[in-house]
Protein backbone atom coordinates (compact mmCIF):
# COMPACT_ATOMS: atom_id res chain seq x y z
CA MET A 1 36.57 -148.52 -44.99
CA PRO A 2 40.38 -149.20 -45.05
CA ARG A 3 41.49 -148.99 -48.65
CA VAL A 4 42.87 -152.72 -50.15
CA PRO A 5 45.93 -152.44 -50.73
CA VAL A 6 47.71 -153.77 -54.16
CA GLU A 7 49.76 -156.38 -54.67
CA VAL A 8 52.73 -155.85 -56.99
CA ARG A 9 55.18 -159.02 -58.69
CA ARG A 10 57.31 -159.35 -61.81
CA CYS A 11 55.61 -162.27 -64.02
CA THR A 12 57.32 -165.14 -65.29
CA ALA A 13 55.91 -167.82 -67.72
CA ASP A 14 53.59 -169.24 -65.40
CA ASP A 15 51.94 -166.49 -65.13
CA VAL A 16 50.91 -165.99 -68.71
CA GLU A 17 47.23 -167.42 -68.79
CA GLU A 18 46.28 -164.67 -65.86
CA ILE A 19 48.27 -161.97 -68.52
CA LEU A 20 46.25 -163.16 -71.43
CA THR A 21 42.98 -162.93 -69.40
CA LEU A 22 43.47 -159.04 -68.62
CA TRP A 23 44.96 -159.07 -72.64
CA ARG A 24 41.29 -160.11 -73.58
CA GLU A 25 39.88 -157.20 -71.45
CA ALA A 26 42.73 -154.42 -72.87
CA ARG A 27 41.30 -155.23 -76.67
CA ALA A 28 39.54 -152.87 -76.92
CA ASP A 29 42.06 -150.53 -75.25
CA ALA A 30 44.30 -151.77 -77.91
CA ASP A 31 45.64 -149.30 -80.92
CA ARG A 32 42.92 -148.71 -83.31
CA SER A 33 45.71 -148.45 -86.19
CA SER A 34 46.31 -152.13 -86.10
CA ARG A 35 44.63 -155.48 -86.26
CA PRO A 36 45.08 -156.71 -82.25
CA VAL A 37 47.20 -160.16 -81.78
CA PRO A 38 44.94 -163.17 -81.80
CA VAL A 39 45.65 -164.81 -78.33
CA GLU A 40 46.23 -168.13 -79.19
CA GLN A 41 49.51 -166.48 -81.38
CA LEU A 42 49.99 -164.26 -78.46
CA ARG A 43 50.41 -167.21 -76.13
CA PRO A 44 53.61 -168.89 -77.44
CA ARG A 45 54.85 -165.47 -78.09
CA LEU A 46 54.39 -164.17 -74.60
CA THR A 47 55.78 -166.98 -72.84
CA THR A 48 58.71 -167.08 -75.09
CA ALA A 49 59.74 -163.55 -74.60
CA LEU A 50 59.39 -164.17 -70.68
CA GLU A 51 61.91 -166.56 -70.98
CA ARG A 52 64.06 -165.22 -73.22
CA GLY A 53 63.84 -161.80 -71.26
CA GLU A 54 62.68 -159.76 -73.97
CA VAL A 55 60.45 -158.16 -72.03
CA GLU A 56 59.26 -157.99 -68.44
CA VAL A 57 55.62 -157.72 -67.17
CA PHE A 58 54.42 -157.14 -63.91
CA LEU A 59 50.76 -157.93 -62.45
CA ALA A 60 48.97 -156.20 -60.02
CA ARG A 61 46.66 -157.79 -57.68
CA TRP A 62 43.68 -156.21 -56.01
CA ASP A 63 41.78 -157.85 -53.67
CA ALA A 64 44.06 -161.35 -54.49
CA ARG A 65 42.56 -161.02 -58.22
CA PRO A 66 44.29 -159.86 -60.88
CA ALA A 67 43.66 -156.54 -61.80
CA GLY A 68 46.15 -154.94 -64.37
CA PHE A 69 49.56 -155.04 -65.85
CA VAL A 70 52.36 -153.26 -67.34
CA VAL A 71 54.43 -154.68 -69.97
CA VAL A 72 57.98 -153.27 -70.48
CA ARG A 73 61.58 -153.42 -72.07
CA ILE A 74 64.90 -152.00 -71.34
CA ALA A 75 66.84 -150.55 -73.99
CA PRO A 76 68.60 -147.33 -75.01
CA LEU A 77 66.17 -144.11 -75.34
CA MET A 78 67.31 -143.84 -78.34
CA LEU A 79 68.33 -146.38 -81.19
CA LEU A 80 71.92 -145.16 -81.18
CA GLY A 81 72.16 -144.12 -78.24
CA GLU A 82 73.84 -145.92 -74.78
CA THR A 83 72.63 -144.88 -71.99
CA PRO A 84 69.32 -147.40 -70.99
CA ALA A 85 65.99 -146.32 -70.41
CA VAL A 86 63.08 -148.32 -69.21
CA HIS A 87 60.10 -148.03 -71.83
CA VAL A 88 56.75 -148.69 -70.73
CA GLU A 89 55.04 -150.40 -73.93
CA HIS A 90 51.58 -151.27 -72.50
CA LEU A 91 50.12 -150.14 -69.23
CA PHE A 92 46.43 -151.91 -68.52
CA VAL A 93 43.94 -151.65 -65.25
CA THR A 94 40.72 -153.39 -65.91
CA PRO A 95 38.11 -150.57 -66.13
CA GLU A 96 35.76 -152.06 -62.90
CA LEU A 97 38.99 -151.26 -61.08
CA ARG A 98 40.51 -148.11 -61.88
CA ARG A 99 41.06 -145.13 -59.59
CA HIS A 100 42.03 -146.91 -56.81
CA GLY A 101 45.82 -146.71 -57.32
CA ILE A 102 45.92 -149.89 -59.35
CA ALA A 103 47.98 -148.02 -62.33
CA ARG A 104 50.09 -146.04 -59.71
CA ALA A 105 51.59 -149.04 -57.88
CA LEU A 106 52.55 -151.13 -61.32
CA LEU A 107 54.66 -147.93 -61.95
CA SER A 108 56.30 -147.95 -58.89
CA GLY A 109 57.58 -151.64 -60.09
CA VAL A 110 58.55 -149.68 -63.17
CA VAL A 111 60.50 -147.68 -61.00
CA ALA A 112 62.00 -149.93 -58.75
CA ARG A 113 62.97 -151.82 -61.79
CA ALA A 114 64.50 -148.64 -63.17
CA GLU A 115 66.78 -148.03 -60.27
CA ARG A 116 68.01 -151.01 -60.35
CA GLU A 117 69.36 -151.00 -64.12
CA CYS A 118 70.36 -147.76 -62.96
CA ALA A 119 68.30 -146.27 -66.30
CA ASP A 120 67.52 -142.61 -65.90
CA GLN A 121 64.69 -142.14 -67.93
CA VAL A 122 61.43 -144.16 -67.94
CA VAL A 123 59.42 -143.48 -71.04
CA ALA A 124 55.56 -144.44 -72.03
CA GLY A 125 53.55 -145.10 -75.25
CA VAL A 126 50.36 -143.61 -75.19
CA PRO A 127 47.63 -143.94 -78.40
CA PRO A 128 46.71 -140.63 -79.86
CA TRP A 129 43.37 -141.36 -78.65
CA ALA A 130 43.49 -142.19 -75.12
CA ARG A 131 43.18 -138.94 -73.68
CA ASP A 132 42.63 -140.07 -69.65
CA THR A 133 46.14 -141.77 -70.23
CA HIS A 134 48.10 -138.86 -71.78
CA ARG A 135 46.36 -136.84 -68.15
CA PHE A 136 47.34 -139.58 -66.11
CA PHE A 137 51.33 -139.40 -67.37
CA ALA A 138 51.25 -136.16 -67.67
CA ARG A 139 50.63 -135.78 -64.04
CA LEU A 140 53.10 -138.23 -63.46
CA GLY A 141 56.08 -135.55 -64.81
CA PHE A 142 55.79 -137.62 -68.48
CA THR A 143 56.85 -135.06 -71.18
CA PRO A 144 56.54 -135.54 -74.88
CA LEU A 145 59.35 -137.08 -76.33
CA VAL A 146 58.94 -137.94 -79.90
CA VAL A 147 55.75 -137.76 -82.22
CA ARG A 148 55.33 -141.54 -84.21
CA ARG A 149 53.59 -142.09 -87.37
CA THR A 150 52.08 -144.96 -88.94
CA VAL A 151 50.69 -145.71 -91.97
CA PRO A 152 49.42 -149.49 -93.63
CA THR A 153 52.30 -151.22 -95.73
CA GLY A 154 49.67 -151.57 -98.88
CA VAL A 155 48.95 -147.73 -98.46
CA LEU A 156 52.56 -146.44 -98.38
CA ARG A 157 53.83 -148.60 -101.44
CA ARG A 158 50.94 -146.46 -103.39
CA ARG A 159 51.39 -143.19 -102.34
CA LEU A 160 55.29 -143.79 -103.28
CA ALA A 161 54.02 -145.73 -106.63
CA GLY A 162 51.93 -142.36 -107.50
CA GLU A 163 54.62 -140.26 -106.67
CA SER A 164 56.63 -141.88 -108.78
CA ALA A 165 54.38 -142.25 -111.33
CA ARG A 166 53.65 -138.34 -111.44
CA GLY A 167 57.51 -137.68 -112.18
CA ALA A 168 58.03 -140.34 -115.07
CA VAL A 169 54.14 -139.26 -116.23
CA ASP A 170 56.10 -135.07 -116.07
CA ASP A 171 59.37 -137.05 -117.75
CA LEU A 172 57.60 -138.28 -120.84
CA LEU A 173 54.87 -135.45 -121.13
CA SER A 174 58.02 -133.33 -122.30
CA ARG A 175 59.41 -135.41 -124.39
CA ARG A 176 56.06 -136.63 -126.00
CA ARG A 177 55.88 -132.39 -126.70
CA SER A 178 58.97 -132.62 -128.28
CA LEU A 179 58.56 -135.22 -130.64
CA ARG A 180 55.13 -133.60 -131.61
CA ALA A 181 56.91 -130.68 -132.53
CA ARG A 182 59.12 -132.43 -134.82
CA ALA A 183 56.68 -134.10 -136.28
CA ARG A 184 54.04 -130.85 -136.98
CA LEU A 185 57.65 -129.19 -138.68
CA LEU A 186 57.63 -132.14 -140.55
CA HIS A 187 54.26 -132.03 -141.87
CA ARG A 188 54.58 -128.15 -142.59
CA ARG A 189 57.61 -128.77 -144.51
CA ASP A 190 57.26 -131.42 -146.85
CA ALA A 191 53.19 -131.70 -147.81
CA ALA A 192 53.50 -134.15 -149.41
CA SER A 193 55.05 -136.68 -146.64
CA ALA A 194 51.66 -135.97 -145.27
CA ALA A 195 49.87 -137.46 -147.66
CA ARG A 196 51.73 -140.38 -147.66
CA ALA A 197 51.23 -140.62 -143.70
CA GLU A 198 47.46 -140.28 -144.36
CA ALA A 199 47.28 -143.26 -147.36
CA ALA A 200 49.05 -145.49 -144.92
CA THR A 201 46.55 -144.91 -142.09
CA VAL A 202 43.61 -145.65 -144.80
CA ASP A 203 45.89 -148.97 -145.87
CA THR A 204 45.81 -150.18 -142.20
CA VAL A 205 42.16 -150.43 -141.66
CA ASP A 206 41.27 -153.87 -140.53
CA THR A 207 38.60 -156.05 -142.92
CA VAL A 208 35.46 -154.99 -140.29
CA GLY A 209 35.82 -151.14 -140.76
CA ALA A 210 37.07 -149.82 -137.96
CA ALA A 211 39.82 -147.88 -137.59
CA PRO A 212 42.90 -148.72 -135.58
CA VAL A 213 43.86 -147.28 -132.49
CA ASP A 214 46.68 -144.46 -133.18
CA PRO A 215 49.23 -145.03 -130.35
CA ARG A 216 49.89 -141.65 -130.21
CA GLU A 217 46.22 -140.86 -129.04
CA ALA A 218 46.39 -144.35 -126.73
CA LEU A 219 49.00 -143.06 -125.09
CA GLU A 220 47.75 -139.32 -124.46
CA GLU A 221 44.56 -141.21 -122.92
CA VAL A 222 46.81 -143.31 -120.35
CA LEU A 223 48.90 -139.96 -119.25
CA GLU A 224 45.83 -138.16 -118.89
CA GLU A 225 44.22 -141.28 -116.77
CA VAL A 226 47.43 -141.71 -114.39
CA ALA A 227 47.16 -137.83 -114.10
CA MET A 228 43.76 -138.04 -112.77
CA ASN A 229 44.49 -140.90 -110.48
CA PRO A 230 48.63 -142.22 -110.50
CA GLY A 231 47.21 -145.78 -109.23
CA ALA A 232 45.37 -146.53 -111.34
CA VAL A 233 47.24 -147.16 -114.06
CA ASP A 234 50.40 -150.14 -113.74
CA THR A 235 54.01 -149.40 -115.46
CA ALA A 236 53.50 -151.69 -117.97
CA THR A 237 50.18 -150.38 -119.38
CA ILE A 238 52.18 -146.46 -119.30
CA ASP A 239 55.27 -148.17 -120.92
CA ALA A 240 53.77 -150.34 -123.38
CA ALA A 241 52.01 -146.79 -124.86
CA ALA A 242 54.75 -145.03 -124.84
CA ILE A 243 57.13 -147.92 -126.40
CA ALA A 244 53.72 -147.72 -129.40
CA ALA A 245 53.92 -144.14 -129.82
CA ALA A 246 57.50 -143.28 -129.56
CA ALA A 247 58.08 -146.16 -132.59
CA LEU A 248 55.14 -143.65 -134.70
CA ASP A 249 57.57 -140.63 -133.21
CA ALA A 250 60.43 -142.18 -134.35
CA ALA A 251 59.59 -143.00 -138.13
CA ALA A 252 58.71 -138.99 -138.32
CA LEU A 253 61.59 -138.33 -137.29
CA ASP A 254 63.88 -140.43 -139.12
CA GLU A 255 61.81 -138.97 -142.01
CA VAL A 256 63.18 -135.49 -140.68
CA ALA A 257 66.69 -136.72 -140.92
CA LEU A 258 66.54 -137.52 -144.50
CA ASP A 259 64.43 -134.58 -145.45
CA HIS A 260 68.23 -132.66 -143.92
CA ARG A 261 69.82 -134.79 -146.21
């Protein structure tokens, strides 16, 4: 039985609907780390990109039916490079027509485009989980170039905020330890001042009989919570607790200064 020839041609804006039909099939093979773009949003974007020449799409037909496509763009191999390269952004063949030479036919069109552009390199992006695709490209001579990692923006923001919070907490804990040491020195040297401070604390007990929260203890609780889970406490809460505790520590230091006079 003779093999059915594969027809490959460059698409125009008039072919968008056929590309989108295949795109619906390709969504299951899309990058699992991101949400697929709805077809309703993709249609105007793809049409505009084709009209402006921002990307090029080659469509393959097998026995007169759409069988696959490849999306490519012309750009330097590296951002600051000058030598053009053809970047294969997405290669897809409908599952029931795979192993019929369709992907090879599409890449033959890509090679012809690279030769017309005088591009020395063809670059292909492949999801890490697509083992069969990796094997396919490797058999054709593609070798690893770079590893590109992705992270949701919100996750990166939380991780960065957590690291910054730990740095701020370490600095704040160091200052707190120094202030507490000075305060303890004051109490040891002047028992009378400690007695007056205790009396002042008794006077501040509210009318229902519940003692107010010591700002120093409140700050310690906040710092412990941040140490356990940096993203659980916002910066404003840490700052407020630190300011309240620092006010008492500053008063204690003032007493130390007066005691030295």
